N, C-alpha and C. Protein backbone atom coordinates (compact mmCIF):
# COMPACT_ATOMS: atom_id res chain seq x y z
N MET A 1 -18.13 -15.30 -11.95
CA MET A 1 -17.19 -14.72 -10.96
C MET A 1 -15.85 -14.58 -11.53
N ASN A 2 -15.21 -13.43 -11.34
CA ASN A 2 -13.88 -13.18 -11.92
C ASN A 2 -12.87 -13.75 -11.08
N HIS A 3 -11.98 -14.59 -11.56
CA HIS A 3 -10.88 -15.23 -10.87
C HIS A 3 -9.57 -14.78 -11.40
N ALA A 4 -9.56 -13.65 -12.07
CA ALA A 4 -8.23 -13.16 -12.52
C ALA A 4 -7.31 -12.97 -11.39
N PRO A 5 -6.01 -13.23 -11.67
CA PRO A 5 -5.02 -13.02 -10.61
C PRO A 5 -4.87 -11.53 -10.24
N ILE A 6 -4.62 -11.37 -8.93
CA ILE A 6 -4.43 -9.92 -8.45
C ILE A 6 -3.02 -9.44 -8.91
N PRO A 7 -2.98 -8.32 -9.57
CA PRO A 7 -1.62 -7.81 -10.02
C PRO A 7 -0.72 -7.53 -8.78
N SER A 8 0.45 -7.95 -8.82
CA SER A 8 1.34 -7.78 -7.71
C SER A 8 2.73 -7.45 -8.21
N VAL A 9 3.61 -6.99 -7.34
CA VAL A 9 4.95 -6.54 -7.64
C VAL A 9 5.84 -6.82 -6.39
N ASP A 10 7.13 -7.20 -6.69
CA ASP A 10 8.05 -7.38 -5.67
C ASP A 10 8.44 -6.02 -5.15
N VAL A 11 8.58 -5.99 -3.80
CA VAL A 11 8.98 -4.77 -3.18
C VAL A 11 10.20 -4.05 -3.73
N ARG A 12 11.07 -4.76 -4.20
CA ARG A 12 12.36 -4.20 -4.83
C ARG A 12 11.99 -3.51 -6.08
N ASP A 13 10.90 -3.85 -6.74
CA ASP A 13 10.50 -3.19 -8.06
C ASP A 13 9.56 -2.01 -7.88
N VAL A 14 9.34 -1.61 -6.71
CA VAL A 14 8.47 -0.41 -6.54
C VAL A 14 9.36 0.81 -6.75
N PRO A 15 9.09 1.73 -7.72
CA PRO A 15 9.85 2.82 -7.85
C PRO A 15 9.95 3.76 -6.73
N ALA A 16 10.97 4.45 -6.50
CA ALA A 16 11.18 5.25 -5.36
C ALA A 16 10.21 6.45 -5.28
N ASP A 17 9.64 6.88 -6.46
CA ASP A 17 8.71 7.97 -6.45
C ASP A 17 7.31 7.42 -6.68
N ALA A 18 7.04 6.12 -6.39
CA ALA A 18 5.73 5.56 -6.66
C ALA A 18 4.65 6.13 -5.71
N PHE A 19 3.37 6.11 -6.20
CA PHE A 19 2.29 6.45 -5.34
C PHE A 19 1.95 5.16 -4.50
N LEU A 20 2.26 5.22 -3.24
CA LEU A 20 2.08 4.08 -2.36
C LEU A 20 0.89 4.32 -1.43
N LEU A 21 -0.06 3.36 -1.45
CA LEU A 21 -1.33 3.49 -0.63
C LEU A 21 -1.18 2.48 0.46
N ASP A 22 -1.09 2.98 1.68
CA ASP A 22 -0.93 2.04 2.85
C ASP A 22 -2.25 1.93 3.49
N VAL A 23 -2.79 0.67 3.56
CA VAL A 23 -4.10 0.35 4.01
C VAL A 23 -4.18 -0.19 5.44
N ARG A 24 -3.05 -0.13 6.17
CA ARG A 24 -2.96 -0.73 7.51
C ARG A 24 -3.73 0.22 8.54
N GLU A 25 -3.90 -0.30 9.71
CA GLU A 25 -4.59 0.44 10.79
C GLU A 25 -3.67 1.58 11.39
N PRO A 26 -4.21 2.54 12.08
CA PRO A 26 -3.46 3.67 12.54
C PRO A 26 -2.20 3.27 13.47
N ASP A 27 -2.37 2.21 14.22
CA ASP A 27 -1.23 1.84 15.04
C ASP A 27 -0.17 1.32 14.27
N GLU A 28 -0.46 0.51 13.29
CA GLU A 28 0.58 0.00 12.34
C GLU A 28 1.31 1.09 11.55
N TRP A 29 0.50 2.08 11.15
CA TRP A 29 1.04 3.18 10.33
C TRP A 29 1.97 3.92 11.23
N ALA A 30 1.60 4.20 12.51
CA ALA A 30 2.44 4.97 13.45
C ALA A 30 3.79 4.25 13.66
N ALA A 31 3.75 2.87 13.71
CA ALA A 31 4.99 2.21 14.00
C ALA A 31 6.04 2.22 12.88
N GLY A 32 5.61 2.41 11.67
CA GLY A 32 6.55 2.50 10.54
C GLY A 32 5.83 2.47 9.28
N ARG A 33 6.29 3.40 8.40
CA ARG A 33 5.69 3.57 7.08
C ARG A 33 6.71 4.12 6.04
N ALA A 34 6.36 3.90 4.78
CA ALA A 34 7.13 4.55 3.75
C ALA A 34 6.85 6.00 3.69
N GLU A 35 7.95 6.78 3.59
CA GLU A 35 7.85 8.16 3.50
C GLU A 35 6.95 8.59 2.24
N GLY A 36 5.97 9.44 2.44
CA GLY A 36 5.17 9.97 1.31
C GLY A 36 3.98 9.05 1.01
N ALA A 37 3.82 7.98 1.70
CA ALA A 37 2.62 7.15 1.37
C ALA A 37 1.37 7.72 1.90
N LEU A 38 0.25 7.46 1.24
CA LEU A 38 -1.08 7.91 1.64
C LEU A 38 -1.67 6.84 2.46
N HIS A 39 -2.12 7.22 3.72
CA HIS A 39 -2.67 6.22 4.67
C HIS A 39 -4.26 6.30 4.54
N VAL A 40 -4.71 5.15 4.19
CA VAL A 40 -6.19 4.97 4.13
C VAL A 40 -6.48 3.60 4.66
N PRO A 41 -6.91 3.53 6.02
CA PRO A 41 -7.05 2.17 6.57
C PRO A 41 -8.15 1.46 5.66
N ILE A 42 -8.02 0.11 5.63
CA ILE A 42 -8.87 -0.81 4.71
C ILE A 42 -10.29 -0.50 4.91
N GLY A 43 -10.79 -0.19 6.08
CA GLY A 43 -12.14 0.09 6.40
C GLY A 43 -12.64 1.34 5.82
N GLU A 44 -11.77 2.24 5.39
CA GLU A 44 -12.16 3.50 4.81
C GLU A 44 -11.97 3.61 3.36
N VAL A 45 -11.42 2.54 2.68
CA VAL A 45 -11.11 2.61 1.32
C VAL A 45 -12.26 2.92 0.43
N VAL A 46 -13.31 2.21 0.58
CA VAL A 46 -14.50 2.44 -0.27
C VAL A 46 -15.01 3.89 -0.16
N GLY A 47 -15.11 4.39 1.02
CA GLY A 47 -15.58 5.76 1.27
C GLY A 47 -14.62 6.78 0.71
N ARG A 48 -13.29 6.51 0.64
CA ARG A 48 -12.29 7.46 0.23
C ARG A 48 -11.76 7.11 -1.18
N ALA A 49 -12.39 6.26 -1.82
CA ALA A 49 -11.95 5.83 -3.15
C ALA A 49 -11.71 7.03 -4.05
N ALA A 50 -12.56 7.97 -4.09
CA ALA A 50 -12.37 9.16 -4.96
C ALA A 50 -11.01 9.92 -4.63
N GLU A 51 -10.76 9.95 -3.31
CA GLU A 51 -9.52 10.70 -2.87
C GLU A 51 -8.31 9.92 -3.47
N VAL A 52 -8.38 8.57 -3.41
CA VAL A 52 -7.24 7.70 -3.86
C VAL A 52 -7.09 7.86 -5.36
N THR A 53 -8.19 7.80 -6.18
CA THR A 53 -8.10 7.97 -7.61
C THR A 53 -7.70 9.34 -8.01
N GLU A 54 -8.17 10.38 -7.29
CA GLU A 54 -7.75 11.75 -7.61
C GLU A 54 -6.25 11.97 -7.35
N ARG A 55 -5.84 11.49 -6.24
CA ARG A 55 -4.33 11.62 -5.93
C ARG A 55 -3.48 10.80 -6.91
N ALA A 56 -3.94 9.66 -7.37
CA ALA A 56 -3.18 8.81 -8.23
C ALA A 56 -3.14 9.42 -9.69
N GLY A 57 -4.18 10.03 -10.07
CA GLY A 57 -4.32 10.52 -11.47
C GLY A 57 -4.17 9.32 -12.38
N ASP A 58 -3.13 9.45 -13.30
CA ASP A 58 -2.91 8.36 -14.26
C ASP A 58 -1.76 7.45 -13.73
N ASP A 59 -1.25 7.69 -12.55
CA ASP A 59 -0.13 6.94 -11.98
C ASP A 59 -0.57 5.54 -11.55
N ARG A 60 0.27 4.57 -11.52
CA ARG A 60 0.00 3.27 -10.82
C ARG A 60 -0.07 3.50 -9.33
N VAL A 61 -0.99 2.72 -8.71
CA VAL A 61 -1.15 2.70 -7.29
C VAL A 61 -0.54 1.42 -6.74
N TYR A 62 0.50 1.56 -5.82
CA TYR A 62 1.16 0.51 -5.25
C TYR A 62 0.46 0.41 -3.86
N VAL A 63 -0.26 -0.74 -3.55
CA VAL A 63 -1.00 -0.95 -2.35
C VAL A 63 -0.32 -1.85 -1.41
N VAL A 64 -0.12 -1.38 -0.14
CA VAL A 64 0.65 -2.18 0.87
C VAL A 64 -0.10 -2.28 2.16
N CYS A 65 0.12 -3.35 2.84
CA CYS A 65 -0.40 -3.53 4.25
C CYS A 65 0.80 -4.17 4.96
N ARG A 66 0.56 -4.93 6.03
CA ARG A 66 1.63 -5.48 6.79
C ARG A 66 2.29 -6.67 6.04
N VAL A 67 1.55 -7.57 5.52
CA VAL A 67 2.07 -8.71 4.82
C VAL A 67 1.56 -9.00 3.44
N GLY A 68 0.50 -8.30 3.04
CA GLY A 68 -0.02 -8.45 1.69
C GLY A 68 -1.41 -8.94 1.50
N GLY A 69 -2.10 -9.41 2.60
CA GLY A 69 -3.48 -9.84 2.51
C GLY A 69 -4.47 -8.73 2.30
N ARG A 70 -4.46 -7.77 3.21
CA ARG A 70 -5.45 -6.70 3.06
C ARG A 70 -5.23 -5.82 1.86
N SER A 71 -3.92 -5.60 1.52
CA SER A 71 -3.62 -4.84 0.30
C SER A 71 -4.06 -5.60 -0.96
N ALA A 72 -4.05 -6.91 -0.93
CA ALA A 72 -4.53 -7.64 -2.07
C ALA A 72 -5.99 -7.44 -2.26
N GLN A 73 -6.85 -7.35 -1.15
CA GLN A 73 -8.23 -7.07 -1.32
C GLN A 73 -8.46 -5.70 -1.81
N VAL A 74 -7.73 -4.71 -1.37
CA VAL A 74 -7.81 -3.33 -1.85
C VAL A 74 -7.45 -3.28 -3.33
N THR A 75 -6.36 -3.87 -3.62
CA THR A 75 -5.98 -3.84 -5.01
C THR A 75 -7.07 -4.42 -5.96
N GLN A 76 -7.68 -5.51 -5.53
CA GLN A 76 -8.78 -6.12 -6.39
C GLN A 76 -9.91 -5.07 -6.47
N PHE A 77 -10.31 -4.45 -5.43
CA PHE A 77 -11.34 -3.42 -5.42
C PHE A 77 -10.92 -2.35 -6.47
N LEU A 78 -9.72 -1.78 -6.30
CA LEU A 78 -9.34 -0.64 -7.12
C LEU A 78 -9.27 -1.08 -8.61
N VAL A 79 -8.75 -2.18 -8.91
CA VAL A 79 -8.73 -2.72 -10.29
C VAL A 79 -10.16 -2.75 -10.85
N ALA A 80 -11.04 -3.21 -10.01
CA ALA A 80 -12.50 -3.36 -10.47
C ALA A 80 -13.12 -1.91 -10.71
N GLN A 81 -12.51 -0.93 -10.06
CA GLN A 81 -12.93 0.46 -10.39
C GLN A 81 -12.21 1.06 -11.56
N GLY A 82 -11.34 0.31 -12.19
CA GLY A 82 -10.59 0.81 -13.37
C GLY A 82 -9.31 1.51 -13.03
N VAL A 83 -8.82 1.40 -11.78
CA VAL A 83 -7.54 1.98 -11.30
C VAL A 83 -6.35 0.98 -11.69
N ASP A 84 -5.29 1.60 -12.08
CA ASP A 84 -4.01 0.75 -12.29
C ASP A 84 -3.41 0.62 -11.03
N ALA A 85 -3.78 -0.51 -10.34
CA ALA A 85 -3.24 -0.78 -9.00
C ALA A 85 -2.53 -2.19 -8.97
N VAL A 86 -1.54 -2.23 -8.07
CA VAL A 86 -0.77 -3.47 -7.85
C VAL A 86 -0.57 -3.69 -6.33
N ASN A 87 -0.55 -4.92 -5.91
CA ASN A 87 -0.27 -5.33 -4.54
C ASN A 87 1.17 -5.45 -4.41
N VAL A 88 1.71 -4.92 -3.27
CA VAL A 88 3.10 -5.00 -2.98
C VAL A 88 3.30 -6.34 -2.17
N ASP A 89 3.93 -7.32 -2.89
CA ASP A 89 4.15 -8.61 -2.25
C ASP A 89 4.86 -8.55 -0.89
N GLY A 90 4.38 -9.19 0.08
CA GLY A 90 5.02 -9.19 1.42
C GLY A 90 4.86 -7.99 2.26
N GLY A 91 4.23 -7.01 1.77
CA GLY A 91 3.79 -5.73 2.54
C GLY A 91 4.99 -5.06 3.12
N MET A 92 4.67 -4.35 4.19
CA MET A 92 5.75 -3.51 4.96
C MET A 92 6.74 -4.49 5.57
N LEU A 93 6.50 -5.73 5.95
CA LEU A 93 7.55 -6.56 6.43
C LEU A 93 8.62 -6.71 5.36
N SER A 94 8.18 -6.98 4.09
CA SER A 94 9.17 -7.16 2.97
C SER A 94 9.85 -5.79 2.71
N TRP A 95 9.17 -4.74 2.81
CA TRP A 95 9.68 -3.44 2.61
C TRP A 95 10.84 -3.16 3.56
N ALA A 96 10.58 -3.36 4.82
CA ALA A 96 11.64 -3.19 5.88
C ALA A 96 12.82 -4.20 5.64
N ALA A 97 12.54 -5.48 5.31
CA ALA A 97 13.56 -6.45 5.09
C ALA A 97 14.43 -6.08 3.94
N ALA A 98 13.85 -5.41 2.93
CA ALA A 98 14.54 -4.97 1.68
C ALA A 98 15.38 -3.71 1.99
N GLY A 99 15.29 -3.16 3.09
CA GLY A 99 15.93 -1.95 3.43
C GLY A 99 15.47 -0.68 2.78
N ARG A 100 14.13 -0.80 2.42
CA ARG A 100 13.56 0.46 1.87
C ARG A 100 13.32 1.45 2.88
N PRO A 101 13.52 2.75 2.63
CA PRO A 101 13.38 3.84 3.59
C PRO A 101 12.00 3.85 4.23
N MET A 102 12.11 4.11 5.65
CA MET A 102 10.98 4.10 6.42
C MET A 102 11.00 5.20 7.47
N THR A 103 9.87 5.63 7.92
CA THR A 103 9.79 6.53 9.10
C THR A 103 8.75 6.08 10.02
N GLY A 104 8.71 6.54 11.28
CA GLY A 104 7.72 6.17 12.19
C GLY A 104 7.61 7.11 13.29
N ASP A 105 6.53 7.05 14.10
CA ASP A 105 6.23 7.92 15.18
C ASP A 105 6.89 7.44 16.46
N THR A 106 7.55 6.36 16.46
CA THR A 106 8.13 5.78 17.67
C THR A 106 9.68 5.68 17.45
N ASP A 107 10.37 5.05 18.41
CA ASP A 107 11.84 4.86 18.37
C ASP A 107 12.16 4.25 16.98
N PRO A 108 12.97 4.89 16.17
CA PRO A 108 13.36 4.33 14.88
C PRO A 108 13.97 2.93 14.96
N ALA A 109 14.52 2.59 16.06
CA ALA A 109 15.11 1.17 16.17
C ALA A 109 14.00 0.17 16.28
N HIS A 110 12.72 0.63 16.58
CA HIS A 110 11.61 -0.30 16.72
C HIS A 110 10.53 -0.06 15.67
N VAL A 111 10.95 0.53 14.53
CA VAL A 111 9.99 0.73 13.45
C VAL A 111 9.38 -0.62 12.92
N LEU A 112 8.07 -0.58 12.83
CA LEU A 112 7.31 -1.78 12.37
C LEU A 112 7.23 -2.81 13.41
């Protein structure tokens, strides 16, 4: 069994033009997300893996969820598929706390 650490990155080190994969559920996505992120709920990742790898090309995939647990699982899966993927530590909660740009489908004062 492979016990290699899951690659991760601090939210402040995610480049502004990074390919961000958001694996949260639709209600979480609607409440607040990073502009330009690809939304693939965790339950759909395996079935949509080709879409993710095609969109990523040779770029690193920055995987995010609410706090980092689900995205760590997806990162582990993607790395096993040969994708250059890293987990965003602290997820969207850290993203918002760091003041990174966000958008949502609800009142902007209540994003996330």
